[in-house]
């Protein structure tokens, strides 16, 4: 069995985080090592996720409390952690990062109160622009779900209701969201379902976190394998986050169905050297710098370690942060 060492990548990730960490209280990070020395909530949340995956979160209660205090300090009394166009996602990212410490936001999250009841949540999910912007819609759904769940505003009936809606709206031919929307879109000169596959990553992460069954995992396996077979050229380039959704959906689907099991394993095995070569190119080009980008790459490596035991070697096995909370941005 051929295996690969990823320790160099993990060491570099830790080094880049150190370069992004600001002086002063622990837990404040900037967006890149060469960016202005201003604490950024999204980068700081990503840094928590990375430290969790590396097993490097502080062990002393004093340091942990200081990090929690720094994260909580980004929140305003109105409930949000940011006031920009991505305030909902950043708030969900910071709340999720606090979950790594077993803590919550300091103030109530007011922005999601309108979706507190399931009837309101159903209307909210239905009205998201799934056909035109599937990834944006799925990410927003995951953000609202995370905020409500992590801040203890959702009941078991509410979580089941969200799961039931996702199951009822999943396309029966592809395993993707949402019915009536699934049609190939043009992406970099190819007609593909890849944007819908990247979108379904969030509902799959929600189901994994809530210990709910996936909807049509065998169909999702078929779709993911087909996308890689016919649109491989859309991967292994710096175009957003495509690798983690593909790996995560395949591995978590493989846990719930025997459909094409060995074929999935072999495809994932063939994926590893190409993905590692892609990461090497990103590092050489200076793109492996941002905590937000690094967290996606490490989560993909963590998922590959789970899917293919022994194939990716590191001094300490990576921990999958998406098993602790369901949202990264």
C-alpha atoms as a PDB file:
ATOM      1  CA  UNK A   1       0.000   0.000   0.000  1.00  0.00           C
ATOM      2  CA  UNK A   2       1.446   3.344  -1.018  1.00  0.00           C
ATOM      3  CA  UNK A   3       1.207   6.033   1.607  1.00  0.00           C
ATOM      4  CA  UNK A   4       2.130   9.708   1.713  1.00  0.00           C
ATOM      5  CA  UNK A   5       3.453  11.953   4.470  1.00  0.00           C
ATOM      6  CA  UNK A   6       1.511  15.179   4.972  1.00  0.00           C
ATOM      7  CA  UNK A   7       3.481  16.298   8.021  1.00  0.00           C
ATOM      8  CA  UNK A   8       5.267  19.003   6.018  1.00  0.00           C
ATOM      9  CA  UNK A   9       1.925  20.506   5.036  1.00  0.00           C
ATOM     10  CA  UNK A  10       0.708  20.428   8.637  1.00  0.00           C
ATOM     11  CA  UNK A  11       3.927  22.030   9.903  1.00  0.00           C
ATOM     12  CA  UNK A  12       3.582  24.765   7.303  1.00  0.00           C
ATOM     13  CA  UNK A  13      -0.047  25.343   8.262  1.00  0.00           C
ATOM     14  CA  UNK A  14       1.003  25.830  11.879  1.00  0.00           C
ATOM     15  CA  UNK A  15       3.775  28.195  10.785  1.00  0.00           C
ATOM     16  CA  UNK A  16       1.379  30.293   8.687  1.00  0.00           C
ATOM     17  CA  UNK A  17      -1.010  30.520  11.632  1.00  0.00           C
ATOM     18  CA  UNK A  18       1.795  31.772  13.853  1.00  0.00           C
ATOM     19  CA  UNK A  19       2.569  34.447  11.263  1.00  0.00           C
ATOM     20  CA  UNK A  20      -1.092  35.510  11.255  1.00  0.00           C
ATOM     21  CA  UNK A  21      -1.434  35.660  15.038  1.00  0.00           C
ATOM     22  CA  UNK A  22      -1.409  39.169  16.463  1.00  0.00           C
ATOM     23  CA  UNK A  23       0.428  40.310  19.535  1.00  0.00           C
ATOM     24  CA  UNK A  24      -1.577  40.604  22.698  1.00  0.00           C
ATOM     25  CA  UNK A  25      -4.326  38.275  23.946  1.00  0.00           C
ATOM     26  CA  UNK A  26      -4.327  34.808  22.416  1.00  0.00           C
ATOM     27  CA  UNK A  27      -6.875  34.085  19.693  1.00  0.00           C
ATOM     28  CA  UNK A  28      -6.694  37.196  17.470  1.00  0.00           C
ATOM     29  CA  UNK A  29      -5.618  36.567  13.866  1.00  0.00           C
ATOM     30  CA  UNK A  30      -5.332  38.641  10.695  1.00  0.00           C
ATOM     31  CA  UNK A  31      -6.390  37.462   7.266  1.00  0.00           C
ATOM     32  CA  UNK A  32      -2.857  36.764   5.925  1.00  0.00           C
ATOM     33  CA  UNK A  33       0.702  36.995   7.266  1.00  0.00           C
ATOM     34  CA  UNK A  34       1.322  40.102   5.124  1.00  0.00           C
ATOM     35  CA  UNK A  35      -2.018  41.842   5.745  1.00  0.00           C
ATOM     36  CA  UNK A  36      -2.649  44.769   8.070  1.00  0.00           C
ATOM     37  CA  UNK A  37      -2.368  43.852  11.741  1.00  0.00           C
ATOM     38  CA  UNK A  38      -6.101  44.009  12.445  1.00  0.00           C
ATOM     39  CA  UNK A  39      -7.950  41.138  14.114  1.00  0.00           C
ATOM     40  CA  UNK A  40     -10.384  39.503  11.715  1.00  0.00           C
ATOM     41  CA  UNK A  41     -13.268  37.432  13.154  1.00  0.00           C
ATOM     42  CA  UNK A  42     -13.501  35.000  10.214  1.00  0.00           C
ATOM     43  CA  UNK A  43      -9.734  34.379  10.232  1.00  0.00           C
ATOM     44  CA  UNK A  44      -9.776  33.985  14.019  1.00  0.00           C
ATOM     45  CA  UNK A  45     -12.595  31.431  13.796  1.00  0.00           C
ATOM     46  CA  UNK A  46     -10.699  29.554  11.075  1.00  0.00           C
ATOM     47  CA  UNK A  47      -7.601  29.513  13.285  1.00  0.00           C
ATOM     48  CA  UNK A  48      -9.578  27.743  16.019  1.00  0.00           C
ATOM     49  CA  UNK A  49     -10.719  25.108  13.514  1.00  0.00           C
ATOM     50  CA  UNK A  50      -7.153  24.579  12.321  1.00  0.00           C
ATOM     51  CA  UNK A  51      -5.752  24.298  15.834  1.00  0.00           C
ATOM     52  CA  UNK A  52      -8.502  21.818  16.677  1.00  0.00           C
ATOM     53  CA  UNK A  53      -7.692  19.653  13.650  1.00  0.00           C
ATOM     54  CA  UNK A  54      -3.979  19.761  14.480  1.00  0.00           C
ATOM     55  CA  UNK A  55      -4.670  18.938  18.138  1.00  0.00           C
ATOM     56  CA  UNK A  56      -3.030  22.228  19.108  1.00  0.00           C
ATOM     57  CA  UNK A  57      -5.751  24.039  21.032  1.00  0.00           C
ATOM     58  CA  UNK A  58      -4.408  25.335  24.369  1.00  0.00           C
ATOM     59  CA  UNK A  59      -4.599  22.832  27.190  1.00  0.00           C
ATOM     60  CA  UNK A  60      -4.408  25.188  30.138  1.00  0.00           C
ATOM     61  CA  UNK A  61      -7.751  26.581  31.375  1.00  0.00           C
ATOM     62  CA  UNK A  62      -6.294  30.083  31.501  1.00  0.00           C
ATOM     63  CA  UNK A  63      -5.210  30.074  27.846  1.00  0.00           C
ATOM     64  CA  UNK A  64      -8.486  28.511  26.725  1.00  0.00           C
ATOM     65  CA  UNK A  65     -10.467  31.136  28.598  1.00  0.00           C
ATOM     66  CA  UNK A  66      -8.373  33.899  27.034  1.00  0.00           C
ATOM     67  CA  UNK A  67      -9.026  32.517  23.550  1.00  0.00           C
ATOM     68  CA  UNK A  68     -12.761  32.251  24.252  1.00  0.00           C
ATOM     69  CA  UNK A  69     -12.784  35.818  25.550  1.00  0.00           C
ATOM     70  CA  UNK A  70     -11.083  37.018  22.352  1.00  0.00           C
ATOM     71  CA  UNK A  71     -13.647  35.272  20.149  1.00  0.00           C
ATOM     72  CA  UNK A  72     -16.570  36.495  22.200  1.00  0.00           C
ATOM     73  CA  UNK A  73     -15.138  39.998  21.977  1.00  0.00           C
ATOM     74  CA  UNK A  74     -15.937  40.174  18.273  1.00  0.00           C
ATOM     75  CA  UNK A  75     -19.659  40.045  19.043  1.00  0.00           C
ATOM     76  CA  UNK A  76     -21.740  43.188  19.372  1.00  0.00           C
ATOM     77  CA  UNK A  77     -24.544  43.450  21.881  1.00  0.00           C
ATOM     78  CA  UNK A  78     -27.087  43.221  19.039  1.00  0.00           C
ATOM     79  CA  UNK A  79     -25.895  39.655  18.486  1.00  0.00           C
ATOM     80  CA  UNK A  80     -23.782  39.759  15.324  1.00  0.00           C
ATOM     81  CA  UNK A  81     -20.024  39.224  15.055  1.00  0.00           C
ATOM     82  CA  UNK A  82     -19.784  41.400  11.946  1.00  0.00           C
ATOM     83  CA  UNK A  83     -21.875  44.058  10.196  1.00  0.00           C
ATOM     84  CA  UNK A  84     -20.837  43.417   6.587  1.00  0.00           C
ATOM     85  CA  UNK A  85     -22.560  41.563   3.757  1.00  0.00           C
ATOM     86  CA  UNK A  86     -21.480  38.194   5.198  1.00  0.00           C
ATOM     87  CA  UNK A  87     -22.432  38.977   8.793  1.00  0.00           C
ATOM     88  CA  UNK A  88     -24.646  35.890   9.118  1.00  0.00           C
ATOM     89  CA  UNK A  89     -21.886  33.538   7.949  1.00  0.00           C
ATOM     90  CA  UNK A  90     -19.192  35.186  10.064  1.00  0.00           C
ATOM     91  CA  UNK A  91     -21.456  35.024  13.108  1.00  0.00           C
ATOM     92  CA  UNK A  92     -22.059  31.318  12.438  1.00  0.00           C
ATOM     93  CA  UNK A  93     -18.320  30.734  11.948  1.00  0.00           C
ATOM     94  CA  UNK A  94     -17.444  32.389  15.278  1.00  0.00           C
ATOM     95  CA  UNK A  95     -20.229  30.575  17.128  1.00  0.00           C
ATOM     96  CA  UNK A  96     -18.998  27.305  15.630  1.00  0.00           C
ATOM     97  CA  UNK A  97     -15.419  28.044  16.655  1.00  0.00           C
ATOM     98  CA  UNK A  98     -16.593  28.648  20.224  1.00  0.00           C
ATOM     99  CA  UNK A  99     -18.137  25.163  20.096  1.00  0.00           C
ATOM    100  CA  UNK A 100     -14.591  23.751  19.882  1.00  0.00           C
ATOM    101  CA  UNK A 101     -14.143  25.063  23.428  1.00  0.00           C
ATOM    102  CA  UNK A 102     -17.603  23.945  24.512  1.00  0.00           C
ATOM    103  CA  UNK A 103     -18.683  27.570  24.837  1.00  0.00           C
ATOM    104  CA  UNK A 104     -21.318  29.897  23.362  1.00  0.00           C
ATOM    105  CA  UNK A 105     -21.572  33.501  22.266  1.00  0.00           C
ATOM    106  CA  UNK A 106     -21.708  36.083  25.049  1.00  0.00           C
ATOM    107  CA  UNK A 107     -24.968  37.694  23.894  1.00  0.00           C
ATOM    108  CA  UNK A 108     -28.078  36.070  22.368  1.00  0.00           C
ATOM    109  CA  UNK A 109     -27.901  35.670  18.600  1.00  0.00           C
ATOM    110  CA  UNK A 110     -30.781  37.929  17.555  1.00  0.00           C
ATOM    111  CA  UNK A 111     -30.384  37.689  13.771  1.00  0.00           C
ATOM    112  CA  UNK A 112     -31.859  34.188  13.575  1.00  0.00           C
ATOM    113  CA  UNK A 113     -34.792  34.641  15.931  1.00  0.00           C
ATOM    114  CA  UNK A 114     -37.228  34.988  13.034  1.00  0.00           C
ATOM    115  CA  UNK A 115     -36.459  31.393  12.050  1.00  0.00           C
ATOM    116  CA  UNK A 116     -36.899  30.024  15.548  1.00  0.00           C
ATOM    117  CA  UNK A 117     -40.066  28.057  14.827  1.00  0.00           C
ATOM    118  CA  UNK A 118     -40.091  25.351  12.198  1.00  0.00           C
ATOM    119  CA  UNK A 119     -42.943  26.826  10.089  1.00  0.00           C
ATOM    120  CA  UNK A 120     -40.909  30.013   9.736  1.00  0.00           C
ATOM    121  CA  UNK A 121     -37.789  27.966   8.996  1.00  0.00           C
ATOM    122  CA  UNK A 122     -39.618  26.041   6.267  1.00  0.00           C
ATOM    123  CA  UNK A 123     -40.623  29.258   4.537  1.00  0.00           C
ATOM    124  CA  UNK A 124     -37.107  30.598   4.943  1.00  0.00           C
ATOM    125  CA  UNK A 125     -35.481  27.519   3.388  1.00  0.00           C
ATOM    126  CA  UNK A 126     -38.005  27.401   0.562  1.00  0.00           C
ATOM    127  CA  UNK A 127     -37.381  31.010  -0.410  1.00  0.00           C
ATOM    128  CA  UNK A 128     -33.592  30.751  -0.683  1.00  0.00           C
ATOM    129  CA  UNK A 129     -32.371  31.144  -4.312  1.00  0.00           C
ATOM    130  CA  UNK A 130     -31.479  27.475  -4.837  1.00  0.00           C
ATOM    131  CA  UNK A 131     -31.767  27.534  -8.629  1.00  0.00           C
ATOM    132  CA  UNK A 132     -29.541  30.531  -9.290  1.00  0.00           C
ATOM    133  CA  UNK A 133     -27.181  30.386  -6.310  1.00  0.00           C
ATOM    134  CA  UNK A 134     -27.100  26.862  -4.849  1.00  0.00           C
ATOM    135  CA  UNK A 135     -23.859  27.227  -2.880  1.00  0.00           C
ATOM    136  CA  UNK A 136     -24.873  30.561  -1.372  1.00  0.00           C
ATOM    137  CA  UNK A 137     -28.292  29.151  -0.421  1.00  0.00           C
ATOM    138  CA  UNK A 138     -26.873  26.019   1.183  1.00  0.00           C
ATOM    139  CA  UNK A 139     -24.244  28.005   3.080  1.00  0.00           C
ATOM    140  CA  UNK A 140     -26.885  30.399   4.410  1.00  0.00           C
ATOM    141  CA  UNK A 141     -29.096  27.488   5.465  1.00  0.00           C
ATOM    142  CA  UNK A 142     -26.160  25.928   7.291  1.00  0.00           C
ATOM    143  CA  UNK A 143     -25.318  29.239   8.958  1.00  0.00           C
ATOM    144  CA  UNK A 144     -28.852  29.733  10.290  1.00  0.00           C
ATOM    145  CA  UNK A 145     -29.093  26.093  11.395  1.00  0.00           C
ATOM    146  CA  UNK A 146     -25.736  26.347  13.175  1.00  0.00           C
ATOM    147  CA  UNK A 147     -26.666  29.558  14.962  1.00  0.00           C
ATOM    148  CA  UNK A 148     -29.952  28.178  16.198  1.00  0.00           C
ATOM    149  CA  UNK A 149     -28.573  24.781  17.177  1.00  0.00           C
ATOM    150  CA  UNK A 150     -25.346  25.941  18.819  1.00  0.00           C
ATOM    151  CA  UNK A 151     -27.193  28.614  20.778  1.00  0.00           C
ATOM    152  CA  UNK A 152     -29.768  26.075  21.989  1.00  0.00           C
ATOM    153  CA  UNK A 153     -32.731  27.596  20.162  1.00  0.00           C
ATOM    154  CA  UNK A 154     -33.725  24.500  18.204  1.00  0.00           C
ATOM    155  CA  UNK A 155     -35.577  21.470  19.607  1.00  0.00           C
ATOM    156  CA  UNK A 156     -35.261  17.864  18.460  1.00  0.00           C
ATOM    157  CA  UNK A 157     -38.548  18.313  16.581  1.00  0.00           C
ATOM    158  CA  UNK A 158     -37.111  21.394  14.889  1.00  0.00           C
ATOM    159  CA  UNK A 159     -33.972  19.518  13.803  1.00  0.00           C
ATOM    160  CA  UNK A 160     -36.089  16.643  12.511  1.00  0.00           C
ATOM    161  CA  UNK A 161     -38.240  19.115  10.597  1.00  0.00           C
ATOM    162  CA  UNK A 162     -35.206  20.584   8.849  1.00  0.00           C
ATOM    163  CA  UNK A 163     -34.031  17.080   7.957  1.00  0.00           C
ATOM    164  CA  UNK A 164     -37.479  16.178   6.628  1.00  0.00           C
ATOM    165  CA  UNK A 165     -37.534  19.297   4.437  1.00  0.00           C
ATOM    166  CA  UNK A 166     -34.107  18.478   2.990  1.00  0.00           C
ATOM    167  CA  UNK A 167     -35.247  14.917   2.245  1.00  0.00           C
ATOM    168  CA  UNK A 168     -38.466  16.118   0.605  1.00  0.00           C
ATOM    169  CA  UNK A 169     -36.615  18.594  -1.606  1.00  0.00           C
ATOM    170  CA  UNK A 170     -33.704  16.369  -2.652  1.00  0.00           C
ATOM    171  CA  UNK A 171     -33.668  15.534  -6.348  1.00  0.00           C
ATOM    172  CA  UNK A 172     -34.318  11.801  -6.726  1.00  0.00           C
ATOM    173  CA  UNK A 173     -32.016  11.396  -9.749  1.00  0.00           C
ATOM    174  CA  UNK A 174     -28.900  13.129  -8.415  1.00  0.00           C
ATOM    175  CA  UNK A 175     -29.189  13.321  -4.619  1.00  0.00           C
ATOM    176  CA  UNK A 176     -28.724  17.096  -4.852  1.00  0.00           C
ATOM    177  CA  UNK A 177     -30.751  20.116  -3.717  1.00  0.00           C
ATOM    178  CA  UNK A 178     -33.192  21.323  -4.808  1.00  0.00           C
ATOM    179  CA  UNK A 179     -35.983  19.652  -6.827  1.00  0.00           C
ATOM    180  CA  UNK A 180     -36.825  21.622  -9.947  1.00  0.00           C
ATOM    181  CA  UNK A 181     -33.422  23.330  -9.993  1.00  0.00           C
ATOM    182  CA  UNK A 182     -30.974  20.592 -10.918  1.00  0.00           C
ATOM    183  CA  UNK A 183     -29.677  21.197 -14.405  1.00  0.00           C
ATOM    184  CA  UNK A 184     -26.069  21.463 -15.666  1.00  0.00           C
ATOM    185  CA  UNK A 185     -24.613  24.959 -15.516  1.00  0.00           C
ATOM    186  CA  UNK A 186     -21.699  26.353 -17.509  1.00  0.00           C
ATOM    187  CA  UNK A 187     -18.541  26.523 -15.431  1.00  0.00           C
ATOM    188  CA  UNK A 188     -15.207  27.350 -17.011  1.00  0.00           C
ATOM    189  CA  UNK A 189     -16.403  26.122 -20.400  1.00  0.00           C
ATOM    190  CA  UNK A 190     -17.983  22.893 -19.125  1.00  0.00           C
ATOM    191  CA  UNK A 191     -21.596  22.021 -18.398  1.00  0.00           C
ATOM    192  CA  UNK A 192     -21.596  20.435 -14.964  1.00  0.00           C
ATOM    193  CA  UNK A 193     -23.501  19.793 -11.721  1.00  0.00           C
ATOM    194  CA  UNK A 194     -20.426  20.688  -9.658  1.00  0.00           C
ATOM    195  CA  UNK A 195     -21.963  23.855  -8.072  1.00  0.00           C
ATOM    196  CA  UNK A 196     -24.896  21.768  -6.785  1.00  0.00           C
ATOM    197  CA  UNK A 197     -22.475  19.132  -5.483  1.00  0.00           C
ATOM    198  CA  UNK A 198     -20.529  21.834  -3.631  1.00  0.00           C
ATOM    199  CA  UNK A 199     -23.841  23.083  -2.225  1.00  0.00           C
ATOM    200  CA  UNK A 200     -25.017  19.700  -0.924  1.00  0.00           C
ATOM    201  CA  UNK A 201     -21.845  19.560   1.185  1.00  0.00           C
ATOM    202  CA  UNK A 202     -23.538  21.781   3.778  1.00  0.00           C
ATOM    203  CA  UNK A 203     -26.705  19.666   4.202  1.00  0.00           C
ATOM    204  CA  UNK A 204     -24.503  16.566   4.397  1.00  0.00           C
ATOM    205  CA  UNK A 205     -22.431  18.252   7.129  1.00  0.00           C
ATOM    206  CA  UNK A 206     -25.636  19.178   8.976  1.00  0.00           C
ATOM    207  CA  UNK A 207     -26.928  15.601   8.797  1.00  0.00           C
ATOM    208  CA  UNK A 208     -23.566  14.278   9.970  1.00  0.00           C
ATOM    209  CA  UNK A 209     -23.524  16.688  12.906  1.00  0.00           C
ATOM    210  CA  UNK A 210     -27.140  15.948  13.879  1.00  0.00           C
ATOM    211  CA  UNK A 211     -26.685  12.164  13.483  1.00  0.00           C
ATOM    212  CA  UNK A 212     -29.404  12.114  10.839  1.00  0.00           C
ATOM    213  CA  UNK A 213     -29.502   9.789   7.809  1.00  0.00           C
ATOM    214  CA  UNK A 214     -28.418  11.208   4.483  1.00  0.00           C
ATOM    215  CA  UNK A 215     -31.007  11.426   1.746  1.00  0.00           C
ATOM    216  CA  UNK A 216     -30.279   9.091  -1.183  1.00  0.00           C
ATOM    217  CA  UNK A 217     -26.563   8.577  -0.445  1.00  0.00           C
ATOM    218  CA  UNK A 218     -26.310   6.091  -3.337  1.00  0.00           C
ATOM    219  CA  UNK A 219     -27.503   8.756  -5.777  1.00  0.00           C
ATOM    220  CA  UNK A 220     -25.043  11.248  -4.302  1.00  0.00           C
ATOM    221  CA  UNK A 221     -22.226   8.736  -4.811  1.00  0.00           C
ATOM    222  CA  UNK A 222     -23.226   8.303  -8.463  1.00  0.00           C
ATOM    223  CA  UNK A 223     -23.260  12.068  -8.990  1.00  0.00           C
ATOM    224  CA  UNK A 224     -19.944  12.705  -7.229  1.00  0.00           C
ATOM    225  CA  UNK A 225     -18.182   9.959  -9.205  1.00  0.00           C
ATOM    226  CA  UNK A 226     -19.650  11.247 -12.459  1.00  0.00           C
ATOM    227  CA  UNK A 227     -18.576  14.825 -11.750  1.00  0.00           C
ATOM    228  CA  UNK A 228     -14.990  13.721 -11.122  1.00  0.00           C
ATOM    229  CA  UNK A 229     -14.943  11.418 -14.156  1.00  0.00           C
ATOM    230  CA  UNK A 230     -16.259  13.940 -16.671  1.00  0.00           C
ATOM    231  CA  UNK A 231     -15.191  17.236 -15.103  1.00  0.00           C
ATOM    232  CA  UNK A 232     -11.854  16.419 -13.499  1.00  0.00           C
ATOM    233  CA  UNK A 233     -10.352  19.516 -15.124  1.00  0.00           C
ATOM    234  CA  UNK A 234     -12.489  21.669 -12.812  1.00  0.00           C
ATOM    235  CA  UNK A 235     -10.562  20.356  -9.805  1.00  0.00           C
ATOM    236  CA  UNK A 236      -6.935  20.847  -8.767  1.00  0.00           C
ATOM    237  CA  UNK A 237      -6.949  24.572  -9.438  1.00  0.00           C
ATOM    238  CA  UNK A 238      -7.483  27.668  -7.309  1.00  0.00           C
ATOM    239  CA  UNK A 239     -11.205  28.153  -7.879  1.00  0.00           C
ATOM    240  CA  UNK A 240     -12.976  28.271  -4.534  1.00  0.00           C
ATOM    241  CA  UNK A 241     -13.542  25.194  -2.396  1.00  0.00           C
ATOM    242  CA  UNK A 242     -14.298  22.094  -4.467  1.00  0.00           C
ATOM    243  CA  UNK A 243     -12.147  19.352  -2.962  1.00  0.00           C
ATOM    244  CA  UNK A 244     -13.542  19.113   0.565  1.00  0.00           C
ATOM    245  CA  UNK A 245     -17.205  18.959  -0.594  1.00  0.00           C
ATOM    246  CA  UNK A 246     -16.389  16.169  -3.046  1.00  0.00           C
ATOM    247  CA  UNK A 247     -14.371  14.105  -0.544  1.00  0.00           C
ATOM    248  CA  UNK A 248     -16.744  14.716   2.363  1.00  0.00           C
ATOM    249  CA  UNK A 249     -19.887  13.823   0.405  1.00  0.00           C
ATOM    250  CA  UNK A 250     -18.329  10.621  -0.907  1.00  0.00           C
ATOM    251  CA  UNK A 251     -16.944   9.447   2.425  1.00  0.00           C
ATOM    252  CA  UNK A 252     -20.048  10.230   4.468  1.00  0.00           C
ATOM    253  CA  UNK A 253     -22.291   8.653   1.814  1.00  0.00           C
ATOM    254  CA  UNK A 254     -20.074   5.578   1.755  1.00  0.00           C
ATOM    255  CA  UNK A 255     -20.746   5.129   5.483  1.00  0.00           C
ATOM    256  CA  UNK A 256     -24.481   4.834   4.871  1.00  0.00           C
ATOM    257  CA  UNK A 257     -24.641   2.614   1.794  1.00  0.00           C
ATOM    258  CA  UNK A 258     -22.685  -0.256   0.249  1.00  0.00           C
ATOM    259  CA  UNK A 259     -23.359   1.178  -3.222  1.00  0.00           C
ATOM    260  CA  UNK A 260     -20.147   1.130  -5.332  1.00  0.00           C
ATOM    261  CA  UNK A 261     -18.151   0.942  -2.124  1.00  0.00           C
ATOM    262  CA  UNK A 262     -14.888  -0.413  -3.503  1.00  0.00           C
ATOM    263  CA  UNK A 263     -15.104   1.843  -6.548  1.00  0.00           C
ATOM    264  CA  UNK A 264     -15.377   4.885  -4.276  1.00  0.00           C
ATOM    265  CA  UNK A 265     -12.305   3.732  -2.336  1.00  0.00           C
ATOM    266  CA  UNK A 266     -10.267   3.343  -5.493  1.00  0.00           C
ATOM    267  CA  UNK A 267     -11.322   6.752  -6.823  1.00  0.00           C
ATOM    268  CA  UNK A 268     -10.354   8.372  -3.512  1.00  0.00           C
ATOM    269  CA  UNK A 269      -6.996   6.571  -3.580  1.00  0.00           C
ATOM    270  CA  UNK A 270      -6.322   7.924  -7.090  1.00  0.00           C
ATOM    271  CA  UNK A 271      -7.397  11.384  -5.928  1.00  0.00           C
ATOM    272  CA  UNK A 272      -4.694  11.632  -3.238  1.00  0.00           C
ATOM    273  CA  UNK A 273      -1.531  12.174  -5.356  1.00  0.00           C
ATOM    274  CA  UNK A 274      -3.285  14.717  -7.580  1.00  0.00           C
ATOM    275  CA  UNK A 275      -4.579  16.608  -4.560  1.00  0.00           C
ATOM    276  CA  UNK A 276      -1.185  16.624  -2.853  1.00  0.00           C
ATOM    277  CA  UNK A 277       0.419  17.888  -6.073  1.00  0.00           C
ATOM    278  CA  UNK A 278      -2.200  20.637  -6.187  1.00  0.00           C
ATOM    279  CA  UNK A 279      -1.377  21.626  -2.599  1.00  0.00           C
ATOM    280  CA  UNK A 280       2.338  21.707  -3.422  1.00  0.00           C
ATOM    281  CA  UNK A 281       1.622  24.087  -6.300  1.00  0.00           C
ATOM    282  CA  UNK A 282      -0.491  26.297  -4.049  1.00  0.00           C
ATOM    283  CA  UNK A 283       2.310  26.437  -1.510  1.00  0.00           C
ATOM    284  CA  UNK A 284       4.933  27.260  -4.148  1.00  0.00           C
ATOM    285  CA  UNK A 285       2.725  30.006  -5.601  1.00  0.00           C
ATOM    286  CA  UNK A 286       2.182  31.613  -2.188  1.00  0.00           C
ATOM    287  CA  UNK A 287      -1.532  30.779  -1.935  1.00  0.00           C
ATOM    288  CA  UNK A 288      -1.283  28.653   1.224  1.00  0.00           C
ATOM    289  CA  UNK A 289      -1.419  31.698   3.484  1.00  0.00           C
ATOM    290  CA  UNK A 290      -4.942  32.455   4.667  1.00  0.00           C
ATOM    291  CA  UNK A 291      -6.382  30.679   7.732  1.00  0.00           C
ATOM    292  CA  UNK A 292      -9.734  30.517   5.959  1.00  0.00           C
ATOM    293  CA  UNK A 293      -8.191  28.685   2.973  1.00  0.00           C
ATOM    294  CA  UNK A 294      -5.968  26.461   5.086  1.00  0.00           C
ATOM    295  CA  UNK A 295      -8.915  25.198   7.173  1.00  0.00           C
ATOM    296  CA  UNK A 296     -10.613  23.834   4.021  1.00  0.00           C
ATOM    297  CA  UNK A 297      -7.456  22.039   2.890  1.00  0.00           C
ATOM    298  CA  UNK A 298      -6.828  20.516   6.318  1.00  0.00           C
ATOM    299  CA  UNK A 299     -10.461  19.419   6.603  1.00  0.00           C
ATOM    300  CA  UNK A 300     -10.090  17.662   3.225  1.00  0.00           C
ATOM    301  CA  UNK A 301      -6.910  15.927   4.414  1.00  0.00           C
ATOM    302  CA  UNK A 302      -8.637  14.954   7.673  1.00  0.00           C
ATOM    303  CA  UNK A 303     -11.506  13.432   5.722  1.00  0.00           C
ATOM    304  CA  UNK A 304      -9.115  11.490   3.501  1.00  0.00           C
ATOM    305  CA  UNK A 305      -7.380  10.119   6.597  1.00  0.00           C
ATOM    306  CA  UNK A 306     -10.763   8.931   7.861  1.00  0.00           C
ATOM    307  CA  UNK A 307     -11.784   7.459   4.508  1.00  0.00           C
ATOM    308  CA  UNK A 308      -8.483   5.716   3.747  1.00  0.00           C
ATOM    309  CA  UNK A 309      -6.728   4.651   6.956  1.00  0.00           C
ATOM    310  CA  UNK A 310      -2.951   4.564   6.635  1.00  0.00           C
ATOM    311  CA  UNK A 311      -2.731   6.345   3.283  1.00  0.00           C
ATOM    312  CA  UNK A 312      -1.902   9.804   4.685  1.00  0.00           C
ATOM    313  CA  UNK A 313       0.716   9.792   7.427  1.00  0.00           C
ATOM    314  CA  UNK A 314       1.202  12.493  10.059  1.00  0.00           C
ATOM    315  CA  UNK A 315       2.779  12.619  13.508  1.00  0.00           C
ATOM    316  CA  UNK A 316      -0.696  13.021  15.015  1.00  0.00           C
ATOM    317  CA  UNK A 317      -3.869  12.065  13.123  1.00  0.00           C
ATOM    318  CA  UNK A 318      -5.933  15.048  12.065  1.00  0.00           C
ATOM    319  CA  UNK A 319      -9.270  15.549  13.821  1.00  0.00           C
ATOM    320  CA  UNK A 320     -12.251  16.414  11.624  1.00  0.00           C
ATOM    321  CA  UNK A 321     -13.679  19.674  12.922  1.00  0.00           C
ATOM    322  CA  UNK A 322     -16.969  19.075  11.065  1.00  0.00           C
ATOM    323  CA  UNK A 323     -17.699  16.298  13.550  1.00  0.00           C
ATOM    324  CA  UNK A 324     -17.723  18.957  16.298  1.00  0.00           C
ATOM    325  CA  UNK A 325     -19.764  21.622  14.524  1.00  0.00           C
ATOM    326  CA  UNK A 326     -21.345  21.755  11.054  1.00  0.00           C
ATOM    327  CA  UNK A 327     -20.141  25.071   9.603  1.00  0.00           C
ATOM    328  CA  UNK A 328     -16.975  26.548   8.100  1.00  0.00           C
ATOM    329  CA  UNK A 329     -16.769  29.469   5.704  1.00  0.00           C
END
